[in-house]
C-alpha atoms as a PDB file:
ATOM      1  CA  MET A   1      -7.411  -1.464  -9.876  1.00  0.00           C
ATOM      2  CA  ILE A   2      -8.980  -3.712 -12.511  1.00  0.00           C
ATOM      3  CA  GLY A   3      -6.167  -2.847 -14.875  1.00  0.00           C
ATOM      4  CA  TYR A   4      -3.648  -4.356 -12.475  1.00  0.00           C
ATOM      5  CA  SER A   5      -5.441  -7.680 -12.178  1.00  0.00           C
ATOM      6  CA  GLY A   6      -3.736  -9.045 -15.292  1.00  0.00           C
ATOM      7  CA  LEU A   7      -0.214  -8.160 -14.113  1.00  0.00           C
ATOM      8  CA  THR A   8       2.176 -10.195 -12.003  1.00  0.00           C
ATOM      9  CA  TRP A   9       3.410  -8.800  -8.700  1.00  0.00           C
ATOM     10  CA  GLY A  10       6.830  -8.402 -10.333  1.00  0.00           C
ATOM     11  CA  GLU A  11       5.354  -6.256 -13.116  1.00  0.00           C
ATOM     12  CA  ILE A  12       3.455  -4.149 -10.599  1.00  0.00           C
ATOM     13  CA  LYS A  13       6.533  -3.557  -8.441  1.00  0.00           C
ATOM     14  CA  LYS A  14       8.605  -2.489 -11.485  1.00  0.00           C
ATOM     15  CA  GLN A  15       6.358   0.513 -12.184  1.00  0.00           C
ATOM     16  CA  THR A  16       8.006   3.803 -11.225  1.00  0.00           C
ATOM     17  CA  HIS A  17       7.330   7.527 -10.927  1.00  0.00           C
ATOM     18  CA  ASP A  18       9.235  10.662  -9.840  1.00  0.00           C
ATOM     19  CA  GLN A  19      12.775   9.995 -11.080  1.00  0.00           C
ATOM     20  CA  GLY A  20      12.452   6.205 -10.985  1.00  0.00           C
ATOM     21  CA  LYS A  21      11.058   5.799  -7.474  1.00  0.00           C
ATOM     22  CA  SER A  22       8.874   2.750  -6.889  1.00  0.00           C
ATOM     23  CA  LYS A  23       5.218   3.550  -7.538  1.00  0.00           C
ATOM     24  CA  HIS A  24       3.655   0.517  -5.803  1.00  0.00           C
ATOM     25  CA  HIS A  25       5.425  -1.109  -2.869  1.00  0.00           C
ATOM     26  CA  THR A  26       5.234  -2.803   0.502  1.00  0.00           C
ATOM     27  CA  LEU A  27       4.952  -0.651   3.605  1.00  0.00           C
ATOM     28  CA  ASP A  28       6.683  -1.175   6.922  1.00  0.00           C
ATOM     29  CA  TYR A  29       4.250  -1.166   9.816  1.00  0.00           C
ATOM     30  CA  ASP A  30       6.531   1.196  11.763  1.00  0.00           C
ATOM     31  CA  THR A  31       6.278   3.854   9.023  1.00  0.00           C
ATOM     32  CA  LEU A  32       2.476   4.036   9.190  1.00  0.00           C
ATOM     33  CA  SER A  33       0.829   7.015  10.829  1.00  0.00           C
ATOM     34  CA  ARG A  34      -0.234   6.566  14.440  1.00  0.00           C
ATOM     35  CA  ASP A  35      -3.905   6.560  13.369  1.00  0.00           C
ATOM     36  CA  ALA A  36      -3.202   3.921  10.727  1.00  0.00           C
ATOM     37  CA  GLN A  37      -1.425   1.703  13.252  1.00  0.00           C
ATOM     38  CA  GLU A  38      -4.383   2.000  15.604  1.00  0.00           C
ATOM     39  CA  ARG A  39      -6.861   1.112  12.823  1.00  0.00           C
ATOM     40  CA  PHE A  40      -4.619  -1.827  11.935  1.00  0.00           C
ATOM     41  CA  ARG A  41      -4.896  -3.122  15.511  1.00  0.00           C
ATOM     42  CA  VAL A  42      -8.657  -2.463  15.726  1.00  0.00           C
ATOM     43  CA  LYS A  43      -9.229  -4.435  12.515  1.00  0.00           C
ATOM     44  CA  ASN A  44      -7.256  -7.372  13.987  1.00  0.00           C
ATOM     45  CA  LEU A  45      -4.720  -7.350  11.142  1.00  0.00           C
ATOM     46  CA  SER A  46      -1.552  -7.735  13.211  1.00  0.00           C
ATOM     47  CA  GLU A  47      -0.734 -11.097  11.583  1.00  0.00           C
ATOM     48  CA  TYR A  48      -0.396  -9.227   8.258  1.00  0.00           C
ATOM     49  CA  GLU A  49       2.095  -6.565   9.412  1.00  0.00           C
ATOM     50  CA  ASP A  50       4.643  -7.926   6.914  1.00  0.00           C
ATOM     51  CA  SER A  51       2.141  -7.954   4.026  1.00  0.00           C
ATOM     52  CA  ILE A  52       0.997  -4.316   3.809  1.00  0.00           C
ATOM     53  CA  PHE A  53       1.064  -3.072   0.221  1.00  0.00           C
ATOM     54  CA  SER A  54       0.363   0.344  -1.314  1.00  0.00           C
ATOM     55  CA  PHE A  55      -0.846   1.123  -4.824  1.00  0.00           C
ATOM     56  CA  ALA A  56      -0.221   4.737  -5.925  1.00  0.00           C
ATOM     57  CA  PHE A  57      -2.620   6.622  -8.178  1.00  0.00           C
ATOM     58  CA  ASN A  58      -1.863  10.227  -9.234  1.00  0.00           C
ATOM     59  CA  ASN A  59       0.131  12.330  -6.741  1.00  0.00           C
ATOM     60  CA  LEU A  60      -1.710  11.550  -3.511  1.00  0.00           C
ATOM     61  CA  THR A  61      -4.312   8.820  -3.894  1.00  0.00           C
ATOM     62  CA  ARG A  62      -3.361   5.438  -2.467  1.00  0.00           C
ATOM     63  CA  ILE A  63      -5.087   2.084  -2.101  1.00  0.00           C
ATOM     64  CA  ILE A  64      -3.635   0.233   0.881  1.00  0.00           C
ATOM     65  CA  GLY A  65      -4.224  -3.427   1.504  1.00  0.00           C
ATOM     66  CA  ILE A  66      -2.879  -6.775   2.505  1.00  0.00           C
ATOM     67  CA  ARG A  67      -1.087  -9.160   0.157  1.00  0.00           C
ATOM     68  CA  LYS A  68      -2.226 -12.716   0.752  1.00  0.00           C
ATOM     69  CA  GLY A  69      -0.098 -14.816  -1.571  1.00  0.00           C
ATOM     70  CA  GLU A  70      -1.049 -13.783  -5.093  1.00  0.00           C
ATOM     71  CA  LYS A  71      -4.214 -12.020  -3.903  1.00  0.00           C
ATOM     72  CA  PHE A  72      -4.677  -8.437  -2.708  1.00  0.00           C
ATOM     73  CA  GLU A  73      -7.337  -7.474  -0.189  1.00  0.00           C
ATOM     74  CA  VAL A  74      -8.203  -3.771  -0.149  1.00  0.00           C
ATOM     75  CA  VAL A  75      -8.311  -2.426   3.388  1.00  0.00           C
ATOM     76  CA  TRP A  76      -8.078   1.373   3.095  1.00  0.00           C
ATOM     77  CA  TYR A  77      -8.713   4.094   0.542  1.00  0.00           C
ATOM     78  CA  ASP A  78      -6.301   6.962   1.201  1.00  0.00           C
ATOM     79  CA  PRO A  79      -7.163   9.979  -0.991  1.00  0.00           C
ATOM     80  CA  ARG A  80      -4.606  12.342   0.643  1.00  0.00           C
ATOM     81  CA  HIS A  81      -1.597  10.044   1.245  1.00  0.00           C
ATOM     82  CA  GLU A  82      -1.993  10.215   5.033  1.00  0.00           C
ATOM     83  CA  PHE A  83      -1.968   6.493   5.857  1.00  0.00           C
ATOM     84  CA  CYS A  84       1.794   6.304   5.401  1.00  0.00           C
ATOM     85  CA  PRO A  85       3.010   9.859   4.740  1.00  0.00           C
ATOM     86  CA  SER A  86       6.120  10.392   2.612  1.00  0.00           C
ATOM     87  CA  ARG A  87       9.167  11.928   4.187  1.00  0.00           C
ATOM     88  CA  LYS A  88      10.535  14.503   1.741  1.00  0.00           C
END
């Protein structure tokens, strides 16, 4: 994560993997797992539903958080990509 601190959001969003797919990106609240949506509500984060962002590390590990302007607040560590599962 420290390595990303010197990059702009544009530079971060341009990074790709797996045939050019976006590596780091925003997440739609509706695509989150049911458990993740419940945790989102319990943590009183509903005002940030449009600011959910995912950083991808290796095949499965994700860091999920909230973008607040130019800042990023880590909310969840997702070692098995279960917070917002991919649909393949």
